Amino acid sequence: MNQESSTILESIREFLRMESASGILLLAAALLAMIMANSPLSNLYDLFLNTPVAVKVGALEIAKPLLLWINDGLMAIFFFLVGLELKREVLEGELSRPAQVVLPALAALGGMMAPAAIYVAFNAGDAQALHGWAIPVATDIAFALGVLSLLGKRVPQGLKIFLLTLAIFDDVGAIIVIALFYSSNLSLASLGIAGGAIVLLFVLNRRHVSSVPVYLLVGLVLWVSVLKSGMHATLAGVVLALFIPMRDRRDPAHSPLRVLEHELHPAVAFVILPLFAFANAGVNLSGVTMASLVHPVPLGIAAALFFGNQVGILSITWLTVRLGFAKLPGGANWIQMYGVSVLCGIGFTMSLFISALAFQEGGAARMVDDRIGILGGSLISAVVGYLILRWSLPRTAPTAK
């Protein structure tokens, strides 16, 4: 193995270790939110989420409850990190090799189409409910890798990389969905400012400016203008990431993108995502009845997450391999691929995020419906996927060659 391949593999291993730990912390944050929302501390929990926070500079004012600052502001940093990871993978990582991309890319497409179709089938007669068709289409990589980490070194590295790459394509798909289907009441003036910021970022990149603070300052203007435009503010994070230079022209050994990614990863994994989970997973179950559990919205989400992902991912994977376009990940068999397909039904973070966009005008009752389906479908997928993999994986870790 040459030095470049060894460096890439070590970077992947570090990423997997951090994402696994983040998944465990995400679960703890979600459980804490559920406990607080269903205890005498529920008023304190609601007070925390509804705390008004305002920033005013001259005539410009941004005033939102803390919940929306988390969802629109902190999650923009999460999407910024996703964009950085995507750019790095395309330029130097797994996505730079077409042969390694075909299988997870097509599997991700199947893992988006099948869940959406199942959800639509459950809610075909309800125009408002159909706004949530995209809720079950994305995989929560942190939770999925957190479950894989429970199985230790028994999991083949190729299987982990397949899941990681699939989740990257899932994130790209979710970003496109948010941009196309969950933006409304657009402000042309704000979009014009956003366009100017993007042009400036392009000029900075083409002139080989490597100062990260300069990009971040322009990125802040971009975020505010996108927030005011009617587009979802988190999209600004992805756009900004695409212009961060991979290499410093004056010092080719230095990578501004890699440094920024490395510095952001701990904050996103251990602060931003757990805080998002805490803010969005607190479902008050006091008014939940059997009728609400079998409502087409939560039932459709749960079924789409659990059945849709395994059917869509496994069928496309089988067809792709059968036709000779790709091979199974190294060290993996079909039962293990099925287990990973089930794990992809864990849609926690992105599902909660999209549901907040889809049903932001649907009222509290609708929000309870969709979160029950997300939590239920994700939990069943995690447990069943873990059991399948535990049964199908070798009892001892593969011997390194």
Protein backbone atom coordinates (compact mmCIF):
# COMPACT_ATOMS: atom_id res chain seq x y z
CA MET A 1 0.00 0.00 0.00
CA ASN A 2 1.53 3.38 -1.03
CA GLN A 3 1.68 6.40 1.28
CA GLU A 4 -1.21 8.24 -0.42
CA SER A 5 -3.56 5.24 -0.09
CA SER A 6 -2.49 4.77 3.53
CA THR A 7 -3.25 8.44 4.29
CA ILE A 8 -6.72 8.24 2.67
CA LEU A 9 -7.53 5.03 4.57
CA GLU A 10 -6.44 6.55 7.88
CA SER A 11 -8.62 9.63 7.20
CA ILE A 12 -11.60 7.36 6.57
CA ARG A 13 -10.94 5.44 9.79
CA GLU A 14 -10.72 8.68 11.78
CA PHE A 15 -14.00 9.87 10.24
CA LEU A 16 -15.73 6.61 11.07
CA ARG A 17 -14.53 6.70 14.69
CA MET A 18 -15.79 10.25 15.17
CA GLU A 19 -19.15 9.61 13.46
CA SER A 20 -19.69 6.49 15.56
CA ALA A 21 -19.10 8.38 18.80
CA SER A 22 -21.36 11.17 17.56
CA GLY A 23 -24.14 8.66 16.91
CA ILE A 24 -24.03 7.49 20.51
CA LEU A 25 -24.14 11.09 21.75
CA LEU A 26 -27.04 11.82 19.38
CA LEU A 27 -29.00 8.97 20.93
CA ALA A 28 -28.31 10.27 24.44
CA ALA A 29 -29.45 13.79 23.45
CA ALA A 30 -32.66 12.43 21.89
CA LEU A 31 -33.44 10.35 24.98
CA LEU A 32 -32.85 13.36 27.23
CA ALA A 33 -35.22 15.43 25.10
CA MET A 34 -37.91 12.73 25.32
CA ILE A 35 -37.51 12.51 29.11
CA MET A 36 -37.75 16.28 29.56
CA ALA A 37 -40.73 16.61 27.20
CA ASN A 38 -42.66 13.97 29.17
CA SER A 39 -41.79 15.03 32.70
CA PRO A 40 -42.39 18.01 34.99
CA LEU A 41 -39.45 19.58 33.17
CA SER A 42 -41.50 19.97 29.97
CA ASN A 43 -42.18 23.66 30.63
CA LEU A 44 -38.45 24.25 31.03
CA TYR A 45 -37.80 22.37 27.78
CA ASP A 46 -40.37 24.48 25.90
CA LEU A 47 -39.01 27.67 27.47
CA PHE A 48 -35.52 26.76 26.25
CA LEU A 49 -36.69 26.17 22.67
CA ASN A 50 -38.82 29.32 22.54
CA THR A 51 -36.23 31.67 24.04
CA PRO A 52 -36.22 34.74 21.76
CA VAL A 53 -32.84 35.61 20.28
CA ALA A 54 -32.36 38.72 18.15
CA VAL A 55 -29.41 40.21 16.28
CA LYS A 56 -29.73 43.74 14.89
CA VAL A 57 -27.23 45.72 12.83
CA GLY A 58 -28.71 49.01 11.63
CA ALA A 59 -31.87 48.25 9.66
CA LEU A 60 -31.00 44.57 9.44
CA GLU A 61 -32.64 42.46 12.14
CA ILE A 62 -32.84 38.70 12.59
CA ALA A 63 -35.19 37.72 15.42
CA LYS A 64 -36.06 34.06 15.93
CA PRO A 65 -36.73 31.64 18.79
CA LEU A 66 -33.71 29.57 19.81
CA LEU A 67 -35.12 26.49 18.04
CA LEU A 68 -34.93 28.24 14.66
CA TRP A 69 -31.45 29.58 15.37
CA ILE A 70 -30.41 25.96 15.88
CA ASN A 71 -32.22 24.72 12.76
CA ASP A 72 -31.34 27.62 10.45
CA GLY A 73 -28.03 28.75 11.91
CA LEU A 74 -26.14 25.89 13.53
CA MET A 75 -27.37 23.41 10.93
CA ALA A 76 -25.91 25.66 8.23
CA ILE A 77 -22.52 24.83 9.78
CA PHE A 78 -23.41 21.13 9.57
CA PHE A 79 -24.27 21.50 5.87
CA PHE A 80 -21.05 23.49 5.40
CA LEU A 81 -19.12 20.51 6.77
CA VAL A 82 -21.09 18.15 4.50
CA GLY A 83 -20.09 20.34 1.54
CA LEU A 84 -16.43 20.28 2.58
CA GLU A 85 -16.48 16.49 2.91
CA LEU A 86 -18.21 16.15 -0.45
CA LYS A 87 -15.66 18.36 -2.23
CA ARG A 88 -12.74 16.51 -0.65
CA GLU A 89 -14.18 13.12 -1.56
CA VAL A 90 -14.76 14.21 -5.17
CA LEU A 91 -11.26 15.67 -5.59
CA GLU A 92 -9.12 13.21 -3.63
CA GLY A 93 -11.24 10.61 -1.88
CA GLU A 94 -13.53 7.69 -2.64
CA LEU A 95 -15.72 9.70 -5.03
CA SER A 96 -12.70 10.49 -7.25
CA ARG A 97 -12.68 6.86 -8.44
CA PRO A 98 -15.63 6.14 -10.76
CA ALA A 99 -15.48 2.40 -10.10
CA GLN A 100 -15.97 3.03 -6.36
CA VAL A 101 -18.87 5.44 -6.92
CA VAL A 102 -21.27 3.48 -9.13
CA LEU A 103 -22.66 1.04 -6.54
CA PRO A 104 -23.28 3.42 -3.59
CA ALA A 105 -24.56 6.16 -5.92
CA LEU A 106 -27.19 3.92 -7.51
CA ALA A 107 -28.01 2.36 -4.14
CA ALA A 108 -28.56 5.83 -2.68
CA LEU A 109 -30.94 6.64 -5.55
CA GLY A 110 -32.94 3.49 -4.79
CA GLY A 111 -32.84 4.38 -1.09
CA MET A 112 -34.48 7.71 -1.87
CA MET A 113 -37.06 6.70 -4.46
CA ALA A 114 -38.54 3.66 -2.71
CA PRO A 115 -39.15 5.38 0.69
CA ALA A 116 -40.72 8.39 -1.05
CA ALA A 117 -43.02 6.09 -3.05
CA ILE A 118 -44.12 4.20 0.07
CA TYR A 119 -44.86 7.42 1.97
CA VAL A 120 -46.88 8.80 -0.96
CA ALA A 121 -48.84 5.53 -1.14
CA PHE A 122 -49.82 5.88 2.53
CA ASN A 123 -50.86 9.55 2.19
CA ALA A 124 -52.18 9.79 -1.36
CA GLY A 125 -55.48 11.33 -0.28
CA ASP A 126 -54.08 14.08 1.95
CA ALA A 127 -52.59 17.08 0.13
CA GLN A 128 -51.06 18.53 3.31
CA ALA A 129 -49.52 15.22 4.34
CA LEU A 130 -47.92 14.83 0.90
CA HIS A 131 -45.67 17.78 1.74
CA GLY A 132 -43.70 15.31 3.85
CA TRP A 133 -42.82 12.93 1.01
CA ALA A 134 -39.08 13.65 1.41
CA ILE A 135 -38.91 12.97 5.16
CA PRO A 136 -37.80 9.31 4.87
CA VAL A 137 -35.36 9.69 1.95
CA ALA A 138 -32.09 10.45 3.81
CA THR A 139 -29.89 8.25 6.00
CA ASP A 140 -28.45 9.48 9.32
CA ILE A 141 -24.78 8.56 8.88
CA ALA A 142 -23.87 9.29 12.52
CA PHE A 143 -26.51 6.93 13.92
CA ALA A 144 -25.87 4.23 11.31
CA LEU A 145 -22.13 4.24 11.97
CA GLY A 146 -22.85 4.35 15.70
CA VAL A 147 -24.72 1.05 15.35
CA LEU A 148 -21.89 -0.42 13.24
CA SER A 149 -19.40 0.57 15.94
CA LEU A 150 -21.18 -1.72 18.39
CA LEU A 151 -20.00 -4.63 16.24
CA GLY A 152 -16.36 -3.59 16.46
CA LYS A 153 -13.73 -4.84 14.03
CA ARG A 154 -15.97 -7.65 12.79
CA VAL A 155 -17.40 -5.23 10.20
CA PRO A 156 -15.40 -5.30 6.91
CA GLN A 157 -13.86 -1.94 6.05
CA GLY A 158 -15.41 -2.16 2.58
CA LEU A 159 -18.89 -2.35 4.11
CA LYS A 160 -18.25 0.76 6.20
CA ILE A 161 -16.94 2.69 3.21
CA PHE A 162 -20.00 1.63 1.18
CA LEU A 163 -22.31 2.97 3.90
CA LEU A 164 -20.29 6.17 4.22
CA THR A 165 -20.30 6.84 0.47
CA LEU A 166 -24.00 6.00 0.16
CA ALA A 167 -24.76 8.47 2.96
CA ILE A 168 -22.78 11.20 1.17
CA PHE A 169 -24.92 10.75 -1.94
CA ASP A 170 -28.00 10.72 0.30
CA ASP A 171 -26.93 14.08 1.73
CA VAL A 172 -26.46 15.50 -1.77
CA GLY A 173 -29.94 14.27 -2.70
CA ALA A 174 -31.44 15.81 0.44
CA ILE A 175 -29.75 19.14 -0.30
CA ILE A 176 -31.21 19.15 -3.82
CA VAL A 177 -34.66 18.26 -2.46
CA ILE A 178 -34.53 21.10 0.08
CA ALA A 179 -33.47 23.60 -2.60
CA LEU A 180 -36.14 22.55 -5.10
CA PHE A 181 -39.15 21.70 -2.94
CA TYR A 182 -38.85 23.47 0.42
CA SER A 183 -38.19 27.08 -0.56
CA SER A 184 -41.00 29.59 -0.99
CA ASN A 185 -41.94 33.30 -1.10
CA LEU A 186 -38.64 34.23 -2.67
CA SER A 187 -37.23 37.76 -2.30
CA LEU A 188 -35.51 38.87 -5.50
CA ALA A 189 -33.50 41.57 -3.68
CA SER A 190 -32.07 39.09 -1.19
CA LEU A 191 -31.40 36.56 -3.95
CA GLY A 192 -29.51 39.29 -5.82
CA ILE A 193 -27.27 39.89 -2.79
CA ALA A 194 -26.75 36.14 -2.45
CA GLY A 195 -25.81 35.96 -6.13
CA GLY A 196 -23.29 38.78 -5.64
CA ALA A 197 -21.75 36.93 -2.68
CA ILE A 198 -21.42 33.77 -4.80
CA VAL A 199 -19.70 35.74 -7.58
CA LEU A 200 -17.29 37.18 -5.03
CA LEU A 201 -16.54 33.70 -3.68
CA PHE A 202 -15.86 32.53 -7.23
CA VAL A 203 -13.45 35.43 -7.82
CA LEU A 204 -11.63 34.73 -4.55
CA ASN A 205 -11.26 31.08 -5.51
CA ARG A 206 -10.07 31.81 -9.05
CA ARG A 207 -7.50 34.32 -7.74
CA HIS A 208 -6.21 31.59 -5.41
CA VAL A 209 -7.00 33.45 -2.20
CA SER A 210 -6.33 30.95 0.59
CA SER A 211 -7.34 33.02 3.63
CA VAL A 212 -10.23 31.11 5.23
CA PRO A 213 -11.52 34.11 7.29
CA VAL A 214 -12.14 36.03 4.05
CA TYR A 215 -14.29 33.19 2.71
CA LEU A 216 -16.16 32.91 6.01
CA LEU A 217 -16.91 36.65 6.07
CA VAL A 218 -18.41 36.49 2.58
CA GLY A 219 -20.16 33.27 3.64
CA LEU A 220 -21.84 35.13 6.51
CA VAL A 221 -23.25 37.67 4.04
CA LEU A 222 -24.39 34.77 1.87
CA TRP A 223 -26.11 33.05 4.83
CA VAL A 224 -28.01 36.19 5.88
CA SER A 225 -29.14 36.93 2.31
CA VAL A 226 -30.27 33.33 1.71
CA LEU A 227 -32.10 33.38 5.06
CA LYS A 228 -33.94 36.55 4.02
CA SER A 229 -34.57 35.30 0.47
CA GLY A 230 -37.01 32.49 1.27
CA MET A 231 -34.54 29.75 0.36
CA HIS A 232 -33.49 27.62 3.31
CA ALA A 233 -30.47 29.17 4.98
CA THR A 234 -28.58 25.89 5.32
CA LEU A 235 -28.05 25.84 1.55
CA ALA A 236 -25.60 28.73 2.02
CA GLY A 237 -23.32 26.38 3.94
CA VAL A 238 -23.10 23.93 1.04
CA VAL A 239 -22.45 26.68 -1.53
CA LEU A 240 -19.72 28.26 0.60
CA ALA A 241 -17.96 24.91 1.02
CA LEU A 242 -17.62 24.46 -2.75
CA PHE A 243 -15.38 27.55 -2.97
CA ILE A 244 -13.01 26.75 -0.10
CA PRO A 245 -9.67 25.99 -1.81
CA MET A 246 -8.38 22.44 -1.60
CA ARG A 247 -4.76 23.57 -1.95
CA ASP A 248 -2.81 26.71 -1.08
CA ARG A 249 -1.01 27.77 -4.26
CA ARG A 250 1.90 29.23 -2.26
CA ASP A 251 2.20 26.08 -0.12
CA PRO A 252 0.89 23.00 -1.99
CA ALA A 253 1.35 20.83 1.11
CA HIS A 254 -1.21 22.97 2.96
CA SER A 255 -4.92 22.32 2.43
CA PRO A 256 -7.27 25.06 3.75
CA LEU A 257 -10.22 22.74 3.14
CA ARG A 258 -8.77 19.82 5.10
CA VAL A 259 -7.71 22.05 7.99
CA LEU A 260 -11.15 23.65 8.20
CA GLU A 261 -12.87 20.27 7.95
CA HIS A 262 -10.68 18.85 10.72
CA GLU A 263 -11.38 21.84 12.98
CA LEU A 264 -15.14 21.82 12.40
CA HIS A 265 -15.71 18.09 12.72
CA PRO A 266 -15.55 17.83 16.55
CA ALA A 267 -17.83 20.85 17.04
CA VAL A 268 -20.42 19.49 14.59
CA ALA A 269 -20.23 15.89 15.83
CA PHE A 270 -20.25 16.59 19.53
CA VAL A 271 -22.10 19.91 19.89
CA ILE A 272 -24.21 20.94 16.90
CA LEU A 273 -25.81 17.60 15.99
CA PRO A 274 -26.55 16.56 19.61
CA LEU A 275 -28.03 20.02 20.25
CA PHE A 276 -30.17 19.67 17.13
CA ALA A 277 -31.33 16.24 18.29
CA PHE A 278 -32.13 17.60 21.73
CA ALA A 279 -34.11 20.50 20.27
CA ASN A 280 -36.13 18.45 17.79
CA ALA A 281 -36.67 15.01 19.35
CA GLY A 282 -38.69 16.06 22.39
CA VAL A 283 -42.13 14.63 21.60
CA ASN A 284 -44.76 15.03 24.31
CA LEU A 285 -46.60 11.70 24.34
CA SER A 286 -49.39 12.73 26.70
CA GLY A 287 -51.90 13.17 23.87
CA VAL A 288 -50.79 10.20 21.79
CA THR A 289 -53.48 7.59 21.15
CA MET A 290 -53.62 4.43 19.08
CA ALA A 291 -55.37 6.44 16.37
CA SER A 292 -52.47 8.89 16.18
CA LEU A 293 -49.96 6.03 15.99
CA VAL A 294 -51.70 4.48 12.98
CA HIS A 295 -52.29 7.83 11.28
CA PRO A 296 -51.01 7.70 7.65
CA VAL A 297 -48.29 10.30 8.35
CA PRO A 298 -46.35 8.52 11.15
CA LEU A 299 -47.20 5.09 9.77
CA GLY A 300 -46.10 6.10 6.28
CA ILE A 301 -42.83 7.55 7.58
CA ALA A 302 -42.03 4.49 9.70
CA ALA A 303 -42.87 2.07 6.88
CA ALA A 304 -40.92 4.12 4.35
CA LEU A 305 -37.84 4.28 6.57
CA PHE A 306 -37.84 0.59 7.46
CA PHE A 307 -39.16 -1.12 4.31
CA GLY A 308 -38.41 1.52 1.69
CA ASN A 309 -34.68 1.75 2.31
CA GLN A 310 -34.05 -1.98 2.44
CA VAL A 311 -36.15 -2.64 -0.67
CA GLY A 312 -34.75 0.28 -2.67
CA ILE A 313 -31.10 -0.12 -1.71
CA LEU A 314 -30.89 -3.91 -1.85
CA SER A 315 -32.81 -4.26 -5.14
CA ILE A 316 -30.71 -1.64 -6.94
CA THR A 317 -27.52 -3.11 -5.48
CA TRP A 318 -28.47 -6.61 -6.63
CA LEU A 319 -29.37 -5.40 -10.12
CA THR A 320 -26.16 -3.35 -10.46
CA VAL A 321 -23.95 -6.27 -9.41
CA ARG A 322 -25.98 -8.75 -11.48
CA LEU A 323 -25.50 -6.64 -14.63
CA GLY A 324 -21.77 -6.45 -13.99
CA PHE A 325 -21.56 -2.68 -13.42
CA ALA A 326 -20.04 -3.08 -9.95
CA LYS A 327 -18.93 -5.62 -7.36
CA LEU A 328 -19.91 -6.11 -3.74
CA PRO A 329 -17.74 -4.23 -1.22
CA GLY A 330 -14.65 -6.18 -0.21
CA GLY A 331 -15.31 -8.77 2.49
CA ALA A 332 -19.11 -8.36 2.37
CA ASN A 333 -21.82 -10.86 1.44
CA TRP A 334 -25.48 -10.41 0.53
CA ILE A 335 -26.83 -10.92 4.04
CA GLN A 336 -24.51 -8.24 5.36
CA MET A 337 -25.56 -5.94 2.53
CA TYR A 338 -29.15 -6.54 3.58
CA GLY A 339 -28.26 -5.61 7.15
CA VAL A 340 -26.67 -2.36 6.00
CA SER A 341 -29.71 -1.62 3.82
CA VAL A 342 -31.90 -1.95 6.91
CA LEU A 343 -29.56 0.35 8.86
CA CYS A 344 -30.05 2.99 6.18
CA GLY A 345 -33.61 3.28 7.47
CA ILE A 346 -32.20 5.32 10.36
CA GLY A 347 -33.22 8.74 9.12
CA PHE A 348 -33.12 10.65 12.39
CA THR A 349 -31.26 13.95 11.87
CA MET A 350 -32.10 14.73 8.24
CA SER A 351 -35.65 13.36 8.58
CA LEU A 352 -36.34 15.63 11.55
CA PHE A 353 -34.84 18.53 9.63
CA ILE A 354 -36.95 17.99 6.51
CA SER A 355 -40.09 17.37 8.57
CA ALA A 356 -39.67 20.77 10.21
CA LEU A 357 -39.61 22.32 6.73
CA ALA A 358 -42.46 20.22 5.36
CA PHE A 359 -44.89 20.78 8.24
CA GLN A 360 -43.81 24.16 9.58
CA GLU A 361 -47.37 25.41 9.03
CA GLY A 362 -49.05 22.18 10.04
CA GLY A 363 -49.43 22.91 13.74
CA ALA A 364 -48.25 21.08 16.86
CA ALA A 365 -50.41 17.98 16.29
CA ARG A 366 -48.85 17.37 12.87
CA MET A 367 -45.36 17.80 14.32
CA VAL A 368 -46.11 15.11 16.90
CA ASP A 369 -47.32 12.79 14.13
CA ASP A 370 -44.23 13.00 11.97
CA ARG A 371 -41.71 12.79 14.82
CA ILE A 372 -43.33 9.63 16.17
CA GLY A 373 -42.94 8.04 12.74
CA ILE A 374 -39.30 9.17 12.45
CA LEU A 375 -38.34 7.93 15.90
CA GLY A 376 -40.25 4.65 15.50
CA GLY A 377 -38.98 3.85 12.01
CA SER A 378 -35.39 4.78 12.89
CA LEU A 379 -35.45 2.71 16.10
CA ILE A 380 -36.83 -0.40 14.37
CA SER A 381 -34.27 -0.03 11.56
CA ALA A 382 -31.42 0.31 14.06
CA VAL A 383 -32.42 -2.74 16.11
CA VAL A 384 -33.23 -5.05 13.17
CA GLY A 385 -30.17 -3.94 11.17
CA TYR A 386 -27.92 -4.55 14.18
CA LEU A 387 -29.35 -8.02 14.79
CA ILE A 388 -28.94 -9.04 11.13
CA LEU A 389 -25.34 -7.87 11.06
CA ARG A 390 -24.50 -9.41 14.42
CA TRP A 391 -25.78 -12.77 13.17
CA SER A 392 -24.18 -12.58 9.73
CA LEU A 393 -20.75 -11.14 10.52
CA PRO A 394 -17.83 -13.44 11.40
CA ARG A 395 -17.31 -14.07 15.12
CA THR A 396 -13.81 -12.64 14.95
CA ALA A 397 -12.33 -9.69 13.07
CA PRO A 398 -10.93 -10.48 9.59
CA THR A 399 -7.18 -11.06 9.58
CA ALA A 400 -5.29 -8.17 8.00
CA LYS A 401 -3.34 -9.10 4.87
